[in-house]
Amino acid sequence: MEWTSIVAIYVLFWVLAAFLILPVGIKNHFETGEQMVDGQADGAPTNFRPLQVLLRTTLLATTLFVLFYFNYVNGWITVDDIDFFGARDRL
């Protein structure tokens, strides 16, 4: 696998992990009992920690990418394993 492919696939895993991690642990002012600021949206988070989100996202993306890469190298799960409807036979 080319290094550019590795970087591109890792970025895709990172973005996916970011969307999965963003809502984890976030609370709004109703849940924390804090007062709203004028103009604040009802669902605005009160305890957003971007560095913690970046760390969790990087850890999840790295774990998923390592599993993906090991599967790519060792061939644990192939296209034939997940071809439930026999589409490869019809090509």
PDB file of N, CA and C in Angstrom:
ATOM      1  N   MET A   1       0.849  -1.171   0.000  1.00  0.00           N
ATOM      2  CA  MET A   1       0.000   0.000   0.000  1.00  0.00           C
ATOM      3  C   MET A   1       0.895   1.235   0.000  1.00  0.00           C
ATOM      4  N   GLU A   2       0.589   2.180  -0.847  1.00  0.00           N
ATOM      5  CA  GLU A   2       1.340   3.431  -0.939  1.00  0.00           C
ATOM      6  C   GLU A   2       1.151   4.265   0.328  1.00  0.00           C
ATOM      7  N   TRP A   3       2.142   5.097   0.663  1.00  0.00           N
ATOM      8  CA  TRP A   3       2.029   5.918   1.870  1.00  0.00           C
ATOM      9  C   TRP A   3       0.943   6.974   1.712  1.00  0.00           C
ATOM     10  N   THR A   4       0.696   7.429   0.478  1.00  0.00           N
ATOM     11  CA  THR A   4      -0.370   8.408   0.267  1.00  0.00           C
ATOM     12  C   THR A   4      -1.740   7.775   0.513  1.00  0.00           C
ATOM     13  N   SER A   5      -1.871   6.504   0.150  1.00  0.00           N
ATOM     14  CA  SER A   5      -3.121   5.797   0.429  1.00  0.00           C
ATOM     15  C   SER A   5      -3.315   5.614   1.926  1.00  0.00           C
ATOM     16  N   ILE A   6      -2.229   5.324   2.625  1.00  0.00           N
ATOM     17  CA  ILE A   6      -2.299   5.162   4.072  1.00  0.00           C
ATOM     18  C   ILE A   6      -2.773   6.455   4.726  1.00  0.00           C
ATOM     19  N   VAL A   7      -2.212   7.579   4.300  1.00  0.00           N
ATOM     20  CA  VAL A   7      -2.603   8.877   4.876  1.00  0.00           C
ATOM     21  C   VAL A   7      -4.057   9.180   4.561  1.00  0.00           C
ATOM     22  N   ALA A   8      -4.473   8.959   3.312  1.00  0.00           N
ATOM     23  CA  ALA A   8      -5.854   9.264   2.924  1.00  0.00           C
ATOM     24  C   ALA A   8      -6.854   8.400   3.688  1.00  0.00           C
ATOM     25  N   ILE A   9      -6.561   7.118   3.842  1.00  0.00           N
ATOM     26  CA  ILE A   9      -7.475   6.231   4.559  1.00  0.00           C
ATOM     27  C   ILE A   9      -7.511   6.581   6.040  1.00  0.00           C
ATOM     28  N   TYR A  10      -6.344   6.946   6.607  1.00  0.00           N
ATOM     29  CA  TYR A  10      -6.319   7.350   8.017  1.00  0.00           C
ATOM     30  C   TYR A  10      -7.155   8.613   8.237  1.00  0.00           C
ATOM     31  N   VAL A  11      -7.070   9.565   7.322  1.00  0.00           N
ATOM     32  CA  VAL A  11      -7.876  10.785   7.444  1.00  0.00           C
ATOM     33  C   VAL A  11      -9.361  10.449   7.405  1.00  0.00           C
ATOM     34  N   LEU A  12      -9.751   9.521   6.541  1.00  0.00           N
ATOM     35  CA  LEU A  12     -11.154   9.100   6.497  1.00  0.00           C
ATOM     36  C   LEU A  12     -11.587   8.468   7.816  1.00  0.00           C
ATOM     37  N   PHE A  13     -10.733   7.614   8.378  1.00  0.00           N
ATOM     38  CA  PHE A  13     -11.035   7.021   9.682  1.00  0.00           C
ATOM     39  C   PHE A  13     -11.111   8.098  10.764  1.00  0.00           C
ATOM     40  N   TRP A  14     -10.239   9.113  10.683  1.00  0.00           N
ATOM     41  CA  TRP A  14     -10.227  10.165  11.696  1.00  0.00           C
ATOM     42  C   TRP A  14     -11.521  10.983  11.650  1.00  0.00           C
ATOM     43  N   VAL A  15     -11.969  11.326  10.451  1.00  0.00           N
ATOM     44  CA  VAL A  15     -13.209  12.103  10.318  1.00  0.00           C
ATOM     45  C   VAL A  15     -14.402  11.286  10.805  1.00  0.00           C
ATOM     46  N   LEU A  16     -14.455  10.009  10.457  1.00  0.00           N
ATOM     47  CA  LEU A  16     -15.525   9.145  10.944  1.00  0.00           C
ATOM     48  C   LEU A  16     -15.507   9.072  12.467  1.00  0.00           C
ATOM     49  N   ALA A  17     -14.323   8.903  13.041  1.00  0.00           N
ATOM     50  CA  ALA A  17     -14.198   8.830  14.497  1.00  0.00           C
ATOM     51  C   ALA A  17     -14.605  10.150  15.149  1.00  0.00           C
ATOM     52  N   ALA A  18     -14.308  11.267  14.505  1.00  0.00           N
ATOM     53  CA  ALA A  18     -14.688  12.571  15.061  1.00  0.00           C
ATOM     54  C   ALA A  18     -16.204  12.697  15.171  1.00  0.00           C
ATOM     55  N   PHE A  19     -16.911  12.272  14.133  1.00  0.00           N
ATOM     56  CA  PHE A  19     -18.367  12.333  14.191  1.00  0.00           C
ATOM     57  C   PHE A  19     -18.945  11.364  15.227  1.00  0.00           C
ATOM     58  N   LEU A  20     -18.261  10.269  15.473  1.00  0.00           N
ATOM     59  CA  LEU A  20     -18.725   9.332  16.495  1.00  0.00           C
ATOM     60  C   LEU A  20     -18.432   9.843  17.909  1.00  0.00           C
ATOM     61  N   ILE A  21     -17.323  10.533  18.097  1.00  0.00           N
ATOM     62  CA  ILE A  21     -16.883  10.971  19.415  1.00  0.00           C
ATOM     63  C   ILE A  21     -17.524  12.297  19.838  1.00  0.00           C
ATOM     64  N   LEU A  22     -17.844  13.168  18.900  1.00  0.00           N
ATOM     65  CA  LEU A  22     -18.339  14.508  19.249  1.00  0.00           C
ATOM     66  C   LEU A  22     -19.494  14.524  20.256  1.00  0.00           C
ATOM     67  N   PRO A  23     -20.523  13.717  20.112  1.00  0.00           N
ATOM     68  CA  PRO A  23     -21.625  13.816  21.077  1.00  0.00           C
ATOM     69  C   PRO A  23     -21.376  13.122  22.420  1.00  0.00           C
ATOM     70  N   VAL A  24     -20.271  12.414  22.582  1.00  0.00           N
ATOM     71  CA  VAL A  24     -20.018  11.649  23.800  1.00  0.00           C
ATOM     72  C   VAL A  24     -19.672  12.594  24.952  1.00  0.00           C
ATOM     73  N   GLY A  25     -20.453  12.532  26.018  1.00  0.00           N
ATOM     74  CA  GLY A  25     -20.171  13.298  27.230  1.00  0.00           C
ATOM     75  C   GLY A  25     -20.590  14.754  27.203  1.00  0.00           C
ATOM     76  N   ILE A  26     -21.227  15.200  26.154  1.00  0.00           N
ATOM     77  CA  ILE A  26     -21.633  16.600  26.051  1.00  0.00           C
ATOM     78  C   ILE A  26     -22.955  16.797  26.785  1.00  0.00           C
ATOM     79  N   LYS A  27     -23.024  17.861  27.585  1.00  0.00           N
ATOM     80  CA  LYS A  27     -24.250  18.191  28.316  1.00  0.00           C
ATOM     81  C   LYS A  27     -24.621  19.640  28.026  1.00  0.00           C
ATOM     82  N   ASN A  28     -25.934  19.890  27.958  1.00  0.00           N
ATOM     83  CA  ASN A  28     -26.395  21.261  27.740  1.00  0.00           C
ATOM     84  C   ASN A  28     -26.755  21.907  29.079  1.00  0.00           C
ATOM     85  N   HIS A  29     -27.242  23.138  29.027  1.00  0.00           N
ATOM     86  CA  HIS A  29     -27.502  23.865  30.272  1.00  0.00           C
ATOM     87  C   HIS A  29     -28.659  23.275  31.072  1.00  0.00           C
ATOM     88  N   PHE A  30     -29.586  22.573  30.426  1.00  0.00           N
ATOM     89  CA  PHE A  30     -30.675  21.921  31.152  1.00  0.00           C
ATOM     90  C   PHE A  30     -30.141  20.787  32.025  1.00  0.00           C
ATOM     91  N   GLU A  31     -29.183  20.053  31.503  1.00  0.00           N
ATOM     92  CA  GLU A  31     -28.622  18.912  32.230  1.00  0.00           C
ATOM     93  C   GLU A  31     -27.672  19.329  33.347  1.00  0.00           C
ATOM     94  N   THR A  32     -26.971  20.452  33.161  1.00  0.00           N
ATOM     95  CA  THR A  32     -26.017  20.891  34.179  1.00  0.00           C
ATOM     96  C   THR A  32     -26.609  21.888  35.157  1.00  0.00           C
ATOM     97  N   GLY A  33     -27.769  22.456  34.836  1.00  0.00           N
ATOM     98  CA  GLY A  33     -28.410  23.420  35.717  1.00  0.00           C
ATOM     99  C   GLY A  33     -27.828  24.825  35.636  1.00  0.00           C
ATOM    100  N   GLU A  34     -27.026  25.117  34.627  1.00  0.00           N
ATOM    101  CA  GLU A  34     -26.433  26.442  34.470  1.00  0.00           C
ATOM    102  C   GLU A  34     -27.411  27.387  33.784  1.00  0.00           C
ATOM    103  N   GLN A  35     -27.205  28.660  33.985  1.00  0.00           N
ATOM    104  CA  GLN A  35     -28.036  29.683  33.354  1.00  0.00           C
ATOM    105  C   GLN A  35     -27.604  29.887  31.907  1.00  0.00           C
ATOM    106  N   MET A  36     -28.587  30.158  31.054  1.00  0.00           N
ATOM    107  CA  MET A  36     -28.293  30.417  29.641  1.00  0.00           C
ATOM    108  C   MET A  36     -27.813  31.846  29.467  1.00  0.00           C
ATOM    109  N   VAL A  37     -26.937  32.046  28.498  1.00  0.00           N
ATOM    110  CA  VAL A  37     -26.479  33.372  28.108  1.00  0.00           C
ATOM    111  C   VAL A  37     -27.440  33.881  27.047  1.00  0.00           C
ATOM    112  N   ASP A  38     -27.673  35.184  26.994  1.00  0.00           N
ATOM    113  CA  ASP A  38     -28.559  35.757  25.977  1.00  0.00           C
ATOM    114  C   ASP A  38     -28.081  35.367  24.581  1.00  0.00           C
ATOM    115  N   GLY A  39     -28.992  34.830  23.785  1.00  0.00           N
ATOM    116  CA  GLY A  39     -28.681  34.424  22.432  1.00  0.00           C
ATOM    117  C   GLY A  39     -28.164  33.009  22.308  1.00  0.00           C
ATOM    118  N   GLN A  40     -28.039  32.300  23.411  1.00  0.00           N
ATOM    119  CA  GLN A  40     -27.528  30.930  23.389  1.00  0.00           C
ATOM    120  C   GLN A  40     -28.615  29.971  22.909  1.00  0.00           C
ATOM    121  N   ALA A  41     -28.212  29.028  22.074  1.00  0.00           N
ATOM    122  CA  ALA A  41     -29.150  28.023  21.593  1.00  0.00           C
ATOM    123  C   ALA A  41     -29.483  27.050  22.720  1.00  0.00           C
ATOM    124  N   ASP A  42     -30.680  26.457  22.658  1.00  0.00           N
ATOM    125  CA  ASP A  42     -31.111  25.536  23.709  1.00  0.00           C
ATOM    126  C   ASP A  42     -30.184  24.330  23.847  1.00  0.00           C
ATOM    127  N   GLY A  43     -29.656  23.839  22.760  1.00  0.00           N
ATOM    128  CA  GLY A  43     -28.839  22.642  22.813  1.00  0.00           C
ATOM    129  C   GLY A  43     -27.342  22.917  22.853  1.00  0.00           C
ATOM    130  N   ALA A  44     -26.940  24.159  23.079  1.00  0.00           N
ATOM    131  CA  ALA A  44     -25.507  24.483  23.101  1.00  0.00           C
ATOM    132  C   ALA A  44     -24.821  23.793  24.273  1.00  0.00           C
ATOM    133  N   PRO A  45     -23.670  23.189  24.032  1.00  0.00           N
ATOM    134  CA  PRO A  45     -22.983  22.476  25.114  1.00  0.00           C
ATOM    135  C   PRO A  45     -22.374  23.436  26.131  1.00  0.00           C
ATOM    136  N   THR A  46     -22.331  22.983  27.380  1.00  0.00           N
ATOM    137  CA  THR A  46     -21.712  23.803  28.429  1.00  0.00           C
ATOM    138  C   THR A  46     -20.360  23.250  28.847  1.00  0.00           C
ATOM    139  N   ASN A  47     -20.045  22.040  28.459  1.00  0.00           N
ATOM    140  CA  ASN A  47     -18.800  21.419  28.910  1.00  0.00           C
ATOM    141  C   ASN A  47     -17.973  20.872  27.746  1.00  0.00           C
ATOM    142  N   PHE A  48     -17.918  21.601  26.642  1.00  0.00           N
ATOM    143  CA  PHE A  48     -17.172  21.141  25.470  1.00  0.00           C
ATOM    144  C   PHE A  48     -15.677  21.286  25.729  1.00  0.00           C
ATOM    145  N   ARG A  49     -14.942  20.189  25.554  1.00  0.00           N
ATOM    146  CA  ARG A  49     -13.486  20.173  25.740  1.00  0.00           C
ATOM    147  C   ARG A  49     -12.843  19.688  24.443  1.00  0.00           C
ATOM    148  N   PRO A  50     -12.401  20.617  23.589  1.00  0.00           N
ATOM    149  CA  PRO A  50     -11.889  20.218  22.276  1.00  0.00           C
ATOM    150  C   PRO A  50     -10.630  19.349  22.331  1.00  0.00           C
ATOM    151  N   LEU A  51      -9.742  19.576  23.273  1.00  0.00           N
ATOM    152  CA  LEU A  51      -8.534  18.753  23.342  1.00  0.00           C
ATOM    153  C   LEU A  51      -8.865  17.310  23.706  1.00  0.00           C
ATOM    154  N   GLN A  52      -9.840  17.117  24.580  1.00  0.00           N
ATOM    155  CA  GLN A  52     -10.266  15.768  24.936  1.00  0.00           C
ATOM    156  C   GLN A  52     -10.921  15.083  23.737  1.00  0.00           C
ATOM    157  N   VAL A  53     -11.696  15.833  22.966  1.00  0.00           N
ATOM    158  CA  VAL A  53     -12.327  15.284  21.759  1.00  0.00           C
ATOM    159  C   VAL A  53     -11.253  14.889  20.749  1.00  0.00           C
ATOM    160  N   LEU A  54     -10.239  15.739  20.557  1.00  0.00           N
ATOM    161  CA  LEU A  54      -9.157  15.416  19.623  1.00  0.00           C
ATOM    162  C   LEU A  54      -8.390  14.167  20.058  1.00  0.00           C
ATOM    163  N   LEU A  55      -8.118  14.050  21.350  1.00  0.00           N
ATOM    164  CA  LEU A  55      -7.400  12.882  21.852  1.00  0.00           C
ATOM    165  C   LEU A  55      -8.217  11.601  21.670  1.00  0.00           C
ATOM    166  N   ARG A  56      -9.480  11.644  22.054  1.00  0.00           N
ATOM    167  CA  ARG A  56     -10.332  10.459  21.900  1.00  0.00           C
ATOM    168  C   ARG A  56     -10.510  10.087  20.434  1.00  0.00           C
ATOM    169  N   THR A  57     -10.666  11.097  19.581  1.00  0.00           N
ATOM    170  CA  THR A  57     -10.834  10.853  18.154  1.00  0.00           C
ATOM    171  C   THR A  57      -9.581  10.212  17.569  1.00  0.00           C
ATOM    172  N   THR A  58      -8.427  10.721  17.943  1.00  0.00           N
ATOM    173  CA  THR A  58      -7.176  10.167  17.435  1.00  0.00           C
ATOM    174  C   THR A  58      -6.972   8.733  17.907  1.00  0.00           C
ATOM    175  N   LEU A  59      -7.284   8.463  19.164  1.00  0.00           N
ATOM    176  CA  LEU A  59      -7.144   7.094  19.672  1.00  0.00           C
ATOM    177  C   LEU A  59      -8.069   6.122  18.945  1.00  0.00           C
ATOM    178  N   LEU A  60      -9.336   6.515  18.761  1.00  0.00           N
ATOM    179  CA  LEU A  60     -10.279   5.648  18.066  1.00  0.00           C
ATOM    180  C   LEU A  60      -9.881   5.461  16.607  1.00  0.00           C
ATOM    181  N   ALA A  61      -9.506   6.545  15.930  1.00  0.00           N
ATOM    182  CA  ALA A  61      -9.119   6.444  14.520  1.00  0.00           C
ATOM    183  C   ALA A  61      -7.881   5.587  14.345  1.00  0.00           C
ATOM    184  N   THR A  62      -6.917   5.723  15.231  1.00  0.00           N
ATOM    185  CA  THR A  62      -5.700   4.928  15.134  1.00  0.00           C
ATOM    186  C   THR A  62      -5.998   3.451  15.359  1.00  0.00           C
ATOM    187  N   THR A  63      -6.837   3.157  16.344  1.00  0.00           N
ATOM    188  CA  THR A  63      -7.207   1.762  16.607  1.00  0.00           C
ATOM    189  C   THR A  63      -7.924   1.147  15.407  1.00  0.00           C
ATOM    190  N   LEU A  64      -8.894   1.861  14.866  1.00  0.00           N
ATOM    191  CA  LEU A  64      -9.630   1.349  13.709  1.00  0.00           C
ATOM    192  C   LEU A  64      -8.726   1.195  12.497  1.00  0.00           C
ATOM    193  N   PHE A  65      -7.823   2.162  12.289  1.00  0.00           N
ATOM    194  CA  PHE A  65      -6.928   2.070  11.140  1.00  0.00           C
ATOM    195  C   PHE A  65      -5.956   0.903  11.274  1.00  0.00           C
ATOM    196  N   VAL A  66      -5.441   0.679  12.467  1.00  0.00           N
ATOM    197  CA  VAL A  66      -4.524  -0.450  12.669  1.00  0.00           C
ATOM    198  C   VAL A  66      -5.238  -1.765  12.378  1.00  0.00           C
ATOM    199  N   LEU A  67      -6.476  -1.899  12.832  1.00  0.00           N
ATOM    200  CA  LEU A  67      -7.255  -3.105  12.519  1.00  0.00           C
ATOM    201  C   LEU A  67      -7.474  -3.236  11.012  1.00  0.00           C
ATOM    202  N   PHE A  68      -7.795  -2.124  10.360  1.00  0.00           N
ATOM    203  CA  PHE A  68      -7.983  -2.136   8.911  1.00  0.00           C
ATOM    204  C   PHE A  68      -6.702  -2.553   8.199  1.00  0.00           C
ATOM    205  N   TYR A  69      -5.570  -1.990   8.613  1.00  0.00           N
ATOM    206  CA  TYR A  69      -4.310  -2.288   7.946  1.00  0.00           C
ATOM    207  C   TYR A  69      -3.892  -3.742   8.155  1.00  0.00           C
ATOM    208  N   PHE A  70      -4.062  -4.250   9.386  1.00  0.00           N
ATOM    209  CA  PHE A  70      -3.748  -5.658   9.630  1.00  0.00           C
ATOM    210  C   PHE A  70      -4.638  -6.574   8.799  1.00  0.00           C
ATOM    211  N   ASN A  71      -5.904  -6.201   8.647  1.00  0.00           N
ATOM    212  CA  ASN A  71      -6.797  -6.993   7.796  1.00  0.00           C
ATOM    213  C   ASN A  71      -6.350  -6.914   6.340  1.00  0.00           C
ATOM    214  N   TYR A  72      -5.898  -5.748   5.910  1.00  0.00           N
ATOM    215  CA  TYR A  72      -5.415  -5.583   4.536  1.00  0.00           C
ATOM    216  C   TYR A  72      -4.194  -6.466   4.273  1.00  0.00           C
ATOM    217  N   VAL A  73      -3.273  -6.487   5.227  1.00  0.00           N
ATOM    218  CA  VAL A  73      -2.041  -7.253   5.059  1.00  0.00           C
ATOM    219  C   VAL A  73      -2.289  -8.751   5.188  1.00  0.00           C
ATOM    220  N   ASN A  74      -3.091  -9.165   6.163  1.00  0.00           N
ATOM    221  CA  ASN A  74      -3.279 -10.592   6.445  1.00  0.00           C
ATOM    222  C   ASN A  74      -4.483 -11.219   5.751  1.00  0.00           C
ATOM    223  N   GLY A  75      -5.400 -10.421   5.243  1.00  0.00           N
ATOM    224  CA  GLY A  75      -6.559 -10.945   4.523  1.00  0.00           C
ATOM    225  C   GLY A  75      -7.533 -11.709   5.392  1.00  0.00           C
ATOM    226  N   TRP A  76      -7.759 -11.236   6.614  1.00  0.00           N
ATOM    227  CA  TRP A  76      -8.689 -11.912   7.521  1.00  0.00           C
ATOM    228  C   TRP A  76     -10.108 -11.917   6.968  1.00  0.00           C
ATOM    229  N   ILE A  77     -10.584 -10.766   6.522  1.00  0.00           N
ATOM    230  CA  ILE A  77     -11.926 -10.638   5.946  1.00  0.00           C
ATOM    231  C   ILE A  77     -11.753 -10.130   4.517  1.00  0.00           C
ATOM    232  N   THR A  78     -12.211 -10.907   3.549  1.00  0.00           N
ATOM    233  CA  THR A  78     -12.076 -10.531   2.143  1.00  0.00           C
ATOM    234  C   THR A  78     -13.443 -10.179   1.569  1.00  0.00           C
ATOM    235  N   VAL A  79     -13.441  -9.743   0.327  1.00  0.00           N
ATOM    236  CA  VAL A  79     -14.700  -9.409  -0.349  1.00  0.00           C
ATOM    237  C   VAL A  79     -15.580 -10.652  -0.456  1.00  0.00           C
ATOM    238  N   ASP A  80     -14.973 -11.795  -0.676  1.00  0.00           N
ATOM    239  CA  ASP A  80     -15.748 -13.042  -0.779  1.00  0.00           C
ATOM    240  C   ASP A  80     -16.438 -13.390   0.543  1.00  0.00           C
ATOM    241  N   ASP A  81     -15.859 -12.988   1.658  1.00  0.00           N
ATOM    242  CA  ASP A  81     -16.461 -13.260   2.963  1.00  0.00           C
ATOM    243  C   ASP A  81     -17.724 -12.448   3.207  1.00  0.00           C
ATOM    244  N   ILE A  82     -17.808 -11.262   2.611  1.00  0.00           N
ATOM    245  CA  ILE A  82     -18.972 -10.402   2.859  1.00  0.00           C
ATOM    246  C   ILE A  82     -19.902 -10.298   1.647  1.00  0.00           C
ATOM    247  N   ASP A  83     -19.681 -11.114   0.638  1.00  0.00           N
ATOM    248  CA  ASP A  83     -20.534 -11.128  -0.551  1.00  0.00           C
ATOM    249  C   ASP A  83     -21.724 -12.055  -0.298  1.00  0.00           C
ATOM    250  N   PHE A  84     -22.739 -11.520   0.372  1.00  0.00           N
ATOM    251  CA  PHE A  84     -23.883 -12.325   0.794  1.00  0.00           C
ATOM    252  C   PHE A  84     -24.831 -12.674  -0.361  1.00  0.00           C
ATOM    253  N   PHE A  85     -24.831 -11.888  -1.418  1.00  0.00           N
ATOM    254  CA  PHE A  85     -25.801 -12.085  -2.480  1.00  0.00           C
ATOM    255  C   PHE A  85     -25.170 -12.613  -3.778  1.00  0.00           C
ATOM    256  N   GLY A  86     -23.909 -13.001  -3.729  1.00  0.00           N
ATOM    257  CA  GLY A  86     -23.254 -13.568  -4.900  1.00  0.00           C
ATOM    258  C   GLY A  86     -23.039 -12.597  -6.038  1.00  0.00           C
ATOM    259  N   ALA A  87     -22.779 -11.344  -5.733  1.00  0.00           N
ATOM    260  CA  ALA A  87     -22.619 -10.331  -6.758  1.00  0.00           C
ATOM    261  C   ALA A  87     -21.342 -10.546  -7.579  1.00  0.00           C
ATOM    262  N   ARG A  88     -20.304 -11.074  -6.974  1.00  0.00           N
ATOM    263  CA  ARG A  88     -19.050 -11.296  -7.717  1.00  0.00           C
ATOM    264  C   ARG A  88     -19.224 -12.376  -8.778  1.00  0.00           C
ATOM    265  N   ASP A  89     -20.092 -13.341  -8.532  1.00  0.00           N
ATOM    266  CA  ASP A  89     -20.317 -14.393  -9.521  1.00  0.00           C
ATOM    267  C   ASP A  89     -21.041 -13.855 -10.743  1.00  0.00           C
ATOM    268  N   ARG A  90     -21.836 -12.816 -10.576  1.00  0.00           N
ATOM    269  CA  ARG A  90     -22.604 -12.255 -11.689  1.00  0.00           C
ATOM    270  C   ARG A  90     -21.801 -11.276 -12.514  1.00  0.00           C
ATOM    271  N   LEU A  91     -20.613 -10.880 -12.050  1.00  0.00           N
ATOM    272  CA  LEU A  91     -19.811  -9.917 -12.821  1.00  0.00           C
ATOM    273  C   LEU A  91     -19.098 -10.570 -13.930  1.00  0.00           C
TER     274      LEU A  91
END
